[in-house]
Protein backbone atom coordinates (compact mmCIF):
# COMPACT_ATOMS: atom_id res chain seq x y z
CA UNK A 1 1.22 -13.81 -8.47
CA UNK A 2 -0.34 -12.64 -11.49
CA UNK A 3 -2.64 -9.94 -11.00
CA UNK A 4 -5.80 -10.26 -12.75
CA UNK A 5 -6.98 -7.84 -14.70
CA UNK A 6 -10.45 -8.75 -14.58
CA UNK A 7 -13.57 -7.07 -12.45
CA UNK A 8 -15.80 -8.52 -9.83
CA UNK A 9 -18.28 -7.79 -7.92
CA UNK A 10 -19.61 -9.61 -4.34
CA UNK A 11 -22.75 -8.12 -2.66
CA UNK A 12 -22.86 -4.80 -5.06
CA UNK A 13 -19.60 -3.94 -3.22
CA UNK A 14 -16.42 -2.88 -6.07
CA UNK A 15 -13.44 -5.10 -6.00
CA UNK A 16 -10.13 -3.33 -6.87
CA UNK A 17 -8.68 -5.87 -9.27
CA UNK A 18 -4.61 -4.59 -8.44
CA UNK A 19 -3.29 -3.18 -5.33
CA UNK A 20 -2.91 0.41 -6.87
CA UNK A 21 -6.50 0.00 -7.77
CA UNK A 22 -7.44 -1.25 -4.27
CA UNK A 23 -4.99 1.99 -3.41
CA UNK A 24 -7.01 4.41 -5.08
CA UNK A 25 -10.16 3.11 -4.09
CA UNK A 26 -9.69 3.78 -0.71
CA UNK A 27 -8.54 7.34 -1.42
CA UNK A 28 -11.89 8.17 -2.86
CA UNK A 29 -9.59 8.85 -5.90
CA UNK A 30 -10.37 8.71 -9.72
CA UNK A 31 -7.86 7.96 -12.68
CA UNK A 32 -7.71 11.67 -13.72
CA UNK A 33 -7.28 13.07 -10.23
CA UNK A 34 -4.56 10.38 -9.21
CA UNK A 35 -2.76 11.38 -12.47
CA UNK A 36 -3.04 15.18 -11.87
CA UNK A 37 -1.91 14.64 -8.18
CA UNK A 38 1.09 12.89 -9.87
CA UNK A 39 1.90 15.42 -12.09
CA UNK A 40 2.05 18.01 -9.14
CA UNK A 41 4.00 15.96 -6.84
CA UNK A 42 6.48 15.22 -9.14
CA UNK A 43 7.03 18.82 -10.00
CA UNK A 44 7.19 19.57 -6.31
CA UNK A 45 10.27 17.42 -6.13
CA UNK A 46 11.55 18.25 -9.23
CA UNK A 47 10.26 15.57 -11.29
CA UNK A 48 8.45 16.05 -14.90
CA UNK A 49 6.07 13.48 -15.54
CA UNK A 50 2.89 13.08 -17.42
CA UNK A 51 1.03 10.95 -15.99
CA UNK A 52 -2.81 11.00 -17.21
CA UNK A 53 -5.83 8.90 -16.85
CA UNK A 54 -4.52 6.12 -19.89
CA UNK A 55 -1.18 5.71 -17.65
CA UNK A 56 -3.11 4.87 -14.57
CA UNK A 57 -5.79 2.42 -16.42
CA UNK A 58 -2.29 0.61 -17.98
CA UNK A 59 -0.13 0.78 -14.49
CA UNK A 60 -3.58 -0.99 -13.24
CA UNK A 61 -3.56 -3.68 -16.30
CA UNK A 62 -0.07 -4.89 -15.77
CA UNK A 63 2.00 -2.16 -16.87
CA UNK A 64 4.87 -1.24 -14.13
CA UNK A 65 5.99 2.38 -13.55
CA UNK A 66 9.52 3.29 -14.65
CA UNK A 67 11.76 4.65 -11.78
CA UNK A 68 10.64 8.10 -11.84
CA UNK A 69 6.70 7.31 -11.44
CA UNK A 70 7.76 4.99 -8.46
CA UNK A 71 9.72 7.53 -6.65
CA UNK A 72 6.74 10.12 -7.06
CA UNK A 73 4.15 8.00 -5.88
CA UNK A 74 5.84 6.36 -3.43
CA UNK A 75 6.30 9.74 -1.73
CA UNK A 76 3.40 10.82 -2.12
CA UNK A 77 1.59 8.08 -0.12
CA UNK A 78 4.17 8.42 2.10
CA UNK A 79 6.30 5.11 1.41
CA UNK A 80 9.78 5.23 2.84
CA UNK A 81 12.23 4.81 0.06
CA UNK A 82 13.98 1.74 1.31
CA UNK A 83 10.68 -0.51 1.70
CA UNK A 84 10.47 0.99 -2.39
CA UNK A 85 13.74 -0.20 -3.20
CA UNK A 86 12.99 -3.25 -0.97
CA UNK A 87 10.21 -4.75 -2.82
CA UNK A 88 9.42 -5.01 -6.17
CA UNK A 89 6.42 -2.75 -7.70
CA UNK A 90 3.46 -3.39 -6.62
CA UNK A 91 4.17 -5.28 -3.55
CA UNK A 92 5.30 -2.16 -1.64
CA UNK A 93 2.27 -0.31 -2.30
CA UNK A 94 0.64 0.45 1.52
CA UNK A 95 -2.82 -1.57 0.54
CA UNK A 96 -3.85 -1.24 4.21
CA UNK A 97 -2.47 -1.65 7.64
CA UNK A 98 -3.07 -4.62 8.97
CA UNK A 99 -3.99 -4.17 13.15
CA UNK A 100 -4.09 -8.02 13.70
CA UNK A 101 0.05 -7.54 12.28
CA UNK A 102 1.15 -4.75 14.82
CA UNK A 103 -1.19 -5.05 17.94
CA UNK A 104 0.31 -6.39 20.96
CA UNK A 105 -0.84 -10.33 22.22
CA UNK A 106 -2.47 -8.70 25.09
CA UNK A 107 -6.40 -9.24 25.52
CA UNK A 108 -6.89 -5.79 24.55
CA UNK A 109 -4.34 -6.33 21.47
CA UNK A 110 -6.49 -9.01 20.22
CA UNK A 111 -10.23 -7.09 21.24
CA UNK A 112 -8.59 -4.22 19.06
CA UNK A 113 -7.69 -6.71 15.78
CA UNK A 114 -11.40 -8.07 15.83
CA UNK A 115 -12.90 -4.68 16.18
CA UNK A 116 -10.59 -3.22 13.57
CA UNK A 117 -11.94 -6.44 11.12
CA UNK A 118 -15.68 -5.40 12.40
CA UNK A 119 -15.03 -2.06 10.32
CA UNK A 120 -12.55 -3.17 8.23
CA UNK A 121 -13.36 -6.82 6.77
CA UNK A 122 -14.96 -6.00 3.90
CA UNK A 123 -11.73 -4.77 2.42
CA UNK A 124 -10.86 -6.61 -0.37
CA UNK A 125 -9.95 -7.48 -4.07
CA UNK A 126 -10.26 -10.88 -5.58
CA UNK A 127 -7.02 -12.03 -6.28
CA UNK A 128 -3.91 -11.05 -4.00
CA UNK A 129 -3.00 -11.16 -0.42
CA UNK A 130 -1.76 -8.87 1.86
CA UNK A 131 0.17 -11.11 4.77
CA UNK A 132 2.86 -12.91 2.89
CA UNK A 133 6.45 -13.22 3.74
CA UNK A 134 8.30 -11.93 7.16
CA UNK A 135 5.02 -10.96 7.75
CA UNK A 136 3.24 -14.43 7.75
CA UNK A 137 6.13 -15.86 9.86
CA UNK A 138 6.00 -13.47 12.41
CA UNK A 139 2.61 -14.32 13.15
CA UNK A 140 3.21 -17.52 13.62
CA UNK A 141 6.14 -16.58 15.55
CA UNK A 142 4.20 -14.16 18.03
CA UNK A 143 1.18 -17.35 18.42
CA UNK A 144 3.97 -19.86 19.73
CA UNK A 145 5.44 -16.83 22.07
CA UNK A 146 2.39 -14.89 23.11
CA UNK A 147 0.30 -15.70 26.84
CA UNK A 148 -2.79 -16.04 27.41
CA UNK A 149 -4.33 -13.70 28.89
CA UNK A 150 -6.92 -13.47 31.18
CA UNK A 151 -7.93 -9.84 32.33
CA UNK A 152 -10.90 -8.22 34.17
CA UNK A 153 -14.25 -8.24 32.66
CA UNK A 154 -15.09 -4.36 30.91
CA UNK A 155 -17.77 -2.10 31.53
CA UNK A 156 -21.43 -3.12 30.51
CA UNK A 157 -24.14 -5.49 30.36
CA UNK A 158 -23.89 -8.95 31.62
CA UNK A 159 -23.10 -11.83 29.34
CA UNK A 160 -25.16 -14.93 30.09
CA UNK A 161 -24.13 -18.78 29.96
CA UNK A 162 -27.70 -18.72 27.80
CA UNK A 163 -26.65 -15.82 25.57
CA UNK A 164 -23.10 -17.48 24.88
CA UNK A 165 -24.47 -21.34 24.53
CA UNK A 166 -27.29 -19.61 21.39
CA UNK A 167 -24.67 -17.97 19.97
CA UNK A 168 -22.49 -21.17 20.25
CA UNK A 169 -24.82 -23.04 18.19
CA UNK A 170 -25.71 -20.30 15.76
CA UNK A 171 -22.06 -21.02 14.80
CA UNK A 172 -22.50 -24.43 14.51
CA UNK A 173 -26.02 -24.21 12.47
CA UNK A 174 -23.74 -22.05 10.12
CA UNK A 175 -20.90 -23.75 9.81
CA UNK A 176 -23.25 -26.91 8.61
CA UNK A 177 -25.15 -24.55 6.27
CA UNK A 178 -21.60 -23.84 4.73
CA UNK A 179 -21.02 -27.19 3.57
CA UNK A 180 -24.79 -27.12 2.20
CA UNK A 181 -24.75 -24.04 0.14
CA UNK A 182 -21.10 -22.55 0.20
CA UNK A 183 -19.25 -19.54 2.12
CA UNK A 184 -20.75 -16.64 -0.28
CA UNK A 185 -23.93 -17.10 0.25
CA UNK A 186 -23.62 -17.20 4.27
CA UNK A 187 -20.94 -14.39 4.20
CA UNK A 188 -23.20 -11.65 5.27
CA UNK A 189 -24.65 -13.49 8.28
CA UNK A 190 -21.18 -14.20 9.11
CA UNK A 191 -20.14 -10.57 9.42
CA UNK A 192 -23.06 -10.09 11.97
CA UNK A 193 -22.49 -12.88 14.20
CA UNK A 194 -18.25 -12.12 14.26
CA UNK A 195 -19.75 -7.90 14.81
CA UNK A 196 -21.91 -9.16 17.32
CA UNK A 197 -19.08 -11.27 19.50
CA UNK A 198 -16.95 -8.65 18.63
CA UNK A 199 -19.40 -5.98 20.60
CA UNK A 200 -19.80 -8.31 23.48
CA UNK A 201 -16.23 -8.65 24.23
CA UNK A 202 -15.52 -5.29 23.53
CA UNK A 203 -19.03 -3.63 25.86
CA UNK A 204 -19.81 -6.89 27.94
CA UNK A 205 -19.37 -7.75 31.41
CA UNK A 206 -19.03 -11.23 32.17
CA UNK A 207 -18.30 -13.67 34.72
CA UNK A 208 -14.52 -15.98 33.95
CA UNK A 209 -15.80 -19.06 32.69
CA UNK A 210 -17.99 -16.82 29.86
CA UNK A 211 -15.05 -14.59 29.18
CA UNK A 212 -12.89 -17.43 28.46
CA UNK A 213 -15.86 -19.03 26.14
CA UNK A 214 -16.62 -15.87 24.99
CA UNK A 215 -13.18 -15.89 23.07
CA UNK A 216 -12.99 -19.18 22.01
CA UNK A 217 -16.37 -18.35 20.24
CA UNK A 218 -14.73 -15.38 18.67
CA UNK A 219 -11.85 -17.66 17.35
CA UNK A 220 -14.49 -19.82 15.67
CA UNK A 221 -16.61 -17.25 14.17
CA UNK A 222 -13.79 -15.30 12.97
CA UNK A 223 -11.95 -18.31 11.28
CA UNK A 224 -15.52 -19.08 10.49
CA UNK A 225 -16.06 -16.01 8.37
CA UNK A 226 -12.58 -16.03 7.36
CA UNK A 227 -13.07 -19.41 5.67
CA UNK A 228 -16.67 -17.56 3.95
CA UNK A 229 -14.56 -15.34 2.48
CA UNK A 230 -12.03 -17.13 1.24
CA UNK A 231 -14.71 -19.20 -0.36
CA UNK A 232 -16.30 -16.53 -2.46
CA UNK A 233 -12.48 -15.58 -3.75
CA UNK A 234 -11.69 -12.85 -1.26
CA UNK A 235 -8.81 -14.17 0.18
CA UNK A 236 -6.90 -10.82 1.43
CA UNK A 237 -10.04 -10.58 4.13
CA UNK A 238 -10.29 -14.07 5.03
CA UNK A 239 -5.95 -14.03 5.91
CA UNK A 240 -7.50 -11.03 8.07
CA UNK A 241 -10.17 -12.88 9.97
CA UNK A 242 -7.58 -16.20 10.27
CA UNK A 243 -5.22 -13.41 12.14
CA UNK A 244 -8.14 -12.36 14.28
CA UNK A 245 -8.42 -16.51 15.06
CA UNK A 246 -5.48 -16.99 15.83
CA UNK A 247 -5.01 -13.66 18.19
CA UNK A 248 -8.24 -15.39 19.66
CA UNK A 249 -7.82 -18.88 20.50
CA UNK A 250 -4.44 -17.59 21.89
CA UNK A 251 -6.32 -15.77 24.15
CA UNK A 252 -8.97 -18.17 25.31
CA UNK A 253 -5.69 -20.33 25.80
CA UNK A 254 -7.22 -22.74 23.07
CA UNK A 255 -3.37 -23.95 21.18
CA UNK A 256 -5.36 -26.89 19.42
CA UNK A 257 -7.28 -24.29 17.40
CA UNK A 258 -4.32 -22.44 17.01
CA UNK A 259 -2.76 -25.01 15.43
CA UNK A 260 -5.73 -25.82 13.26
CA UNK A 261 -5.67 -21.95 12.04
CA UNK A 262 -2.22 -22.34 10.89
CA UNK A 263 -2.43 -24.93 9.01
CA UNK A 264 -6.11 -23.33 7.21
CA UNK A 265 -3.51 -20.24 6.81
CA UNK A 266 -1.18 -22.04 4.90
CA UNK A 267 -3.81 -23.06 2.03
CA UNK A 268 -3.99 -19.84 1.12
CA UNK A 269 -0.66 -18.74 0.36
CA UNK A 270 0.51 -22.07 -1.26
CA UNK A 271 -2.49 -21.41 -3.60
CA UNK A 272 -0.63 -17.91 -4.07
CA UNK A 273 2.36 -19.76 -5.30
CA UNK A 274 4.05 -19.10 -1.91
CA UNK A 275 4.49 -22.89 -1.56
CA UNK A 276 7.36 -23.09 1.48
CA UNK A 277 5.67 -20.68 3.50
CA UNK A 278 3.00 -23.06 3.90
CA UNK A 279 5.44 -25.37 4.76
CA UNK A 280 6.82 -23.01 7.36
CA UNK A 281 3.61 -22.56 9.03
CA UNK A 282 2.58 -26.04 9.03
CA UNK A 283 5.51 -27.37 10.62
CA UNK A 284 5.24 -24.13 13.61
CA UNK A 285 1.83 -25.47 13.83
CA UNK A 286 2.50 -29.11 14.57
CA UNK A 287 5.64 -28.40 16.48
CA UNK A 288 3.69 -26.07 19.07
CA UNK A 289 0.73 -28.13 19.42
CA UNK A 290 -0.43 -29.32 22.02
CA UNK A 291 0.62 -33.06 23.51
CA UNK A 292 -3.20 -33.89 24.15
CA UNK A 293 -3.95 -33.63 20.57
CA UNK A 294 -6.56 -36.94 19.70
CA UNK A 295 -5.55 -39.26 17.10
CA UNK A 296 -7.63 -37.55 14.60
CA UNK A 297 -6.33 -33.64 14.69
CA UNK A 298 -2.88 -34.71 14.40
CA UNK A 299 -4.59 -37.04 10.99
CA UNK A 300 -5.72 -33.28 10.09
CA UNK A 301 -2.25 -31.84 10.63
CA UNK A 302 0.00 -34.27 9.24
CA UNK A 303 -3.13 -34.19 5.82
CA UNK A 304 -1.58 -30.46 5.72
CA UNK A 305 1.75 -31.27 5.87
CA UNK A 306 1.64 -33.45 2.86
CA UNK A 307 -0.28 -31.33 0.92
CA UNK A 308 2.31 -28.52 1.79
CA UNK A 309 5.54 -30.80 0.77
CA UNK A 310 3.14 -32.09 -2.45
CA UNK A 311 2.85 -27.98 -3.47
CA UNK A 312 6.58 -27.69 -2.78
CA UNK A 313 7.27 -30.43 -4.86
CA UNK A 314 8.92 -32.78 -2.14
CA UNK A 315 7.13 -35.41 -3.39
CA UNK A 316 8.43 -38.23 -1.07
CA UNK A 317 8.56 -36.23 2.15
CA UNK A 318 4.84 -35.35 1.18
CA UNK A 319 4.37 -39.37 0.86
CA UNK A 320 5.55 -39.49 4.26
CA UNK A 321 3.08 -36.66 5.71
CA UNK A 322 0.27 -38.78 3.98
CA UNK A 323 1.23 -42.41 5.57
CA UNK A 324 1.62 -40.81 8.85
CA UNK A 325 -1.86 -39.30 7.94
CA UNK A 326 -3.80 -42.30 6.95
CA UNK A 327 -2.37 -43.99 10.40
CA UNK A 328 -3.66 -41.31 12.59
CA UNK A 329 -6.82 -41.52 11.12
CA UNK A 330 -7.58 -45.19 11.84
CA UNK A 331 -6.39 -44.77 15.39
CA UNK A 332 -9.45 -42.19 16.20
CA UNK A 333 -11.85 -42.67 18.91
CA UNK A 334 -15.52 -41.65 18.56
CA UNK A 335 -15.60 -38.88 21.90
CA UNK A 336 -12.22 -37.50 21.66
CA UNK A 337 -12.51 -34.87 19.14
CA UNK A 338 -13.31 -31.41 19.40
CA UNK A 339 -16.30 -30.14 18.02
CA UNK A 340 -14.77 -27.21 15.05
CA UNK A 341 -13.13 -30.88 13.79
CA UNK A 342 -16.42 -32.89 13.22
CA UNK A 343 -16.41 -32.12 9.70
CA UNK A 344 -13.31 -33.76 9.15
CA UNK A 345 -13.41 -37.04 7.51
CA UNK A 346 -12.87 -39.84 5.08
CA UNK A 347 -13.99 -37.50 2.30
CA UNK A 348 -11.45 -34.81 3.38
CA UNK A 349 -8.74 -37.30 3.68
CA UNK A 350 -8.97 -38.95 0.46
CA UNK A 351 -8.90 -35.29 -1.19
CA UNK A 352 -6.08 -34.87 -0.12
CA UNK A 353 -4.30 -38.34 -1.09
CA UNK A 354 -5.82 -38.14 -4.24
CA UNK A 355 -4.16 -34.52 -5.05
CA UNK A 356 -0.81 -35.61 -3.43
CA UNK A 357 -0.68 -38.75 -5.74
CA UNK A 358 -1.82 -36.53 -8.77
CA UNK A 359 1.01 -34.59 -8.03
CA UNK A 360 3.60 -37.21 -8.30
CA UNK A 361 2.60 -38.57 -11.01
CA UNK A 362 0.42 -41.99 -9.95
CA UNK A 363 -2.54 -41.24 -12.02
CA UNK A 364 -4.68 -44.42 -11.18
CA UNK A 365 -4.38 -44.03 -7.19
CA UNK A 366 -5.36 -40.50 -7.44
CA UNK A 367 -8.65 -41.32 -9.16
CA UNK A 368 -9.67 -43.50 -7.00
CA UNK A 369 -9.36 -41.32 -3.71
CA UNK A 370 -10.53 -38.43 -5.57
CA UNK A 371 -13.54 -40.24 -6.73
CA UNK A 372 -14.17 -41.86 -3.14
CA UNK A 373 -13.71 -38.07 -2.09
CA UNK A 374 -16.37 -36.69 -4.32
CA UNK A 375 -18.78 -39.24 -3.35
CA UNK A 376 -19.03 -38.72 -0.05
CA UNK A 377 -18.78 -35.08 -0.03
CA UNK A 378 -20.83 -32.22 1.06
CA UNK A 379 -22.26 -30.77 -2.14
CA UNK A 380 -20.45 -27.37 -1.58
CA UNK A 381 -16.84 -30.02 -1.35
CA UNK A 382 -18.42 -31.70 -4.52
CA UNK A 383 -18.54 -28.97 -6.63
CA UNK A 384 -14.80 -27.65 -5.64
CA UNK A 385 -13.18 -31.44 -6.07
CA UNK A 386 -15.06 -32.48 -8.83
CA UNK A 387 -12.73 -30.35 -11.04
CA UNK A 388 -9.43 -32.23 -9.46
CA UNK A 389 -11.59 -35.06 -10.47
CA UNK A 390 -11.84 -34.29 -13.71
CA UNK A 391 -8.05 -33.24 -13.95
CA UNK A 392 -6.84 -36.69 -13.14
CA UNK A 393 -9.36 -38.74 -15.49
CA UNK A 394 -7.96 -36.53 -18.21
CA UNK A 395 -4.53 -37.18 -17.12
CA UNK A 396 -5.64 -41.44 -17.32
CA UNK A 397 -6.88 -40.35 -20.87
CA UNK A 398 -10.69 -40.29 -19.80
CA UNK A 399 -11.75 -37.15 -21.42
CA UNK A 400 -14.85 -37.95 -21.70
CA UNK A 401 -14.74 -38.76 -17.71
CA UNK A 402 -13.68 -35.87 -17.34
CA UNK A 403 -15.95 -34.11 -18.63
CA UNK A 404 -18.55 -36.06 -16.75
CA UNK A 405 -16.73 -35.03 -13.13
CA UNK A 406 -16.27 -31.06 -14.52
CA UNK A 407 -20.11 -30.98 -15.56
CA UNK A 408 -21.32 -32.26 -12.15
CA UNK A 409 -19.32 -29.66 -10.37
CA UNK A 410 -20.91 -26.56 -12.86
CA UNK A 411 -24.45 -28.30 -12.21
CA UNK A 412 -24.21 -28.11 -8.44
CA UNK A 413 -23.43 -24.03 -9.08
CA UNK A 414 -26.05 -23.73 -11.26
CA UNK A 415 -28.84 -25.30 -8.99
CA UNK A 416 -27.69 -25.04 -5.05
CA UNK A 417 -23.93 -23.68 -4.74
CA UNK A 418 -22.58 -20.48 -4.58
CA UNK A 419 -18.48 -20.76 -4.19
CA UNK A 420 -16.30 -18.48 -6.40
CA UNK A 421 -13.41 -20.91 -5.13
CA UNK A 422 -15.09 -24.01 -7.09
CA UNK A 423 -15.61 -21.62 -9.98
CA UNK A 424 -11.64 -20.61 -10.17
CA UNK A 425 -11.09 -24.59 -9.91
CA UNK A 426 -13.51 -25.36 -12.74
CA UNK A 427 -11.97 -22.10 -14.56
CA UNK A 428 -8.22 -23.93 -14.08
CA UNK A 429 -9.54 -27.00 -15.43
CA UNK A 430 -10.98 -25.76 -18.96
CA UNK A 431 -7.72 -24.17 -19.45
CA UNK A 432 -5.79 -28.02 -19.46
CA UNK A 433 -8.79 -28.69 -22.40
CA UNK A 434 -6.91 -26.81 -25.27
CA UNK A 435 -6.02 -29.35 -26.99
CA UNK A 436 -9.14 -30.87 -27.08
CA UNK A 437 -10.99 -27.40 -28.15
CA UNK A 438 -12.76 -28.66 -30.88
CA UNK A 439 -14.02 -31.55 -29.37
CA UNK A 440 -18.34 -30.65 -29.51
CA UNK A 441 -18.46 -31.88 -25.47
CA UNK A 442 -15.57 -29.84 -24.85
CA UNK A 443 -17.36 -27.17 -26.46
CA UNK A 444 -20.42 -27.47 -24.65
CA UNK A 445 -18.59 -27.82 -21.31
CA UNK A 446 -16.88 -24.58 -22.04
CA UNK A 447 -19.96 -22.89 -23.41
CA UNK A 448 -21.87 -23.69 -19.81
CA UNK A 449 -18.71 -22.30 -17.68
CA UNK A 450 -18.47 -19.59 -19.41
CA UNK A 451 -22.57 -19.04 -18.77
CA UNK A 452 -21.58 -19.85 -14.99
CA UNK A 453 -19.05 -16.94 -14.79
CA UNK A 454 -21.60 -14.49 -16.26
CA UNK A 455 -24.63 -15.10 -13.60
CA UNK A 456 -22.18 -16.14 -10.44
């Protein structure tokens, strides 16, 4: 994974752009203080270091510390030496303890995970993931093995049916607004609702039926908050909220939603280049999903499988999964689907179809699918998918058509939608325009995009 060397800000909160920056931020160490600590700790270990503020800045911007400096740093941060030698820099750095990975798969463990997220869910920096490799596959395996938990209610105020119904409607409305406005503008509201639901679970008093609904609601709002964080470019926070959603769904006994969460978690890791891990996640989700899933829900899962395999370079098997998703979609029956999948429709199916076809070299068919998807998508999704349509048209030799699609996406970001994800997609497309950089319309688009990066 490439570590971003820029800087950003969401809702006025500084974002560390390298894991080392995040470590220093969480400990309240400035560069100069950290350098002094490194020198002092090195002397205690018999290692002479010339670390200074400039050295630290270089480490944060891509230079790898030498072996002695890493040894001193690991000892300073209490990182076991075996972890230092097992992981490359900077992956061995202790970014933070993720409660959701270590808490037991019981109701108490779920509450602990959600409560931790209320206080620490803001901790993030754009550009890197904290849950990968064995930690990621481990959380999927734990979801498969964990029992559903229904314990006695905690002491506190009584949670009424009307309260839960109101919260359910709030989350449904928030999900609808997200499609229109993008996650960045609504993230604070989602965090507030997440904290409210977690508080009810922690201190409320409720019947068994309310108990189940509360955990199902916690799963929904934790997923929605994670999705909005991801849309705002906060990948690591998004992952952690997804772990909270996965645990809550398991506690509620909702394995269909759990399979959905595993599929969504795969998006994060594949976009970070860990494509095989996404294949593993979606395979686990499909293999352990309830047999009673509706055709639409199964179509959603197989669509994710097609996308995962396509990103991993297995285009033939991806095509098979894509055909399976389309076949299941045709069997869809109104009224059989869960409310949390009511947003899933032809626009999403055509979007993934277009991406899979484009990667396999079927440019004309991919362009047609992507055009259908963009035409029928909600505003935020139009903004995100316009860049993929632009990419397909460019691959087909239609430069002006590509710029038309990209400019439509930019226009949405200027006027209505707030989505770092959409902005990042347009930036990726802009890089593909380098061979045409002297064309006036290309220069104009790039200038427009640069203005967006300044204002968003």
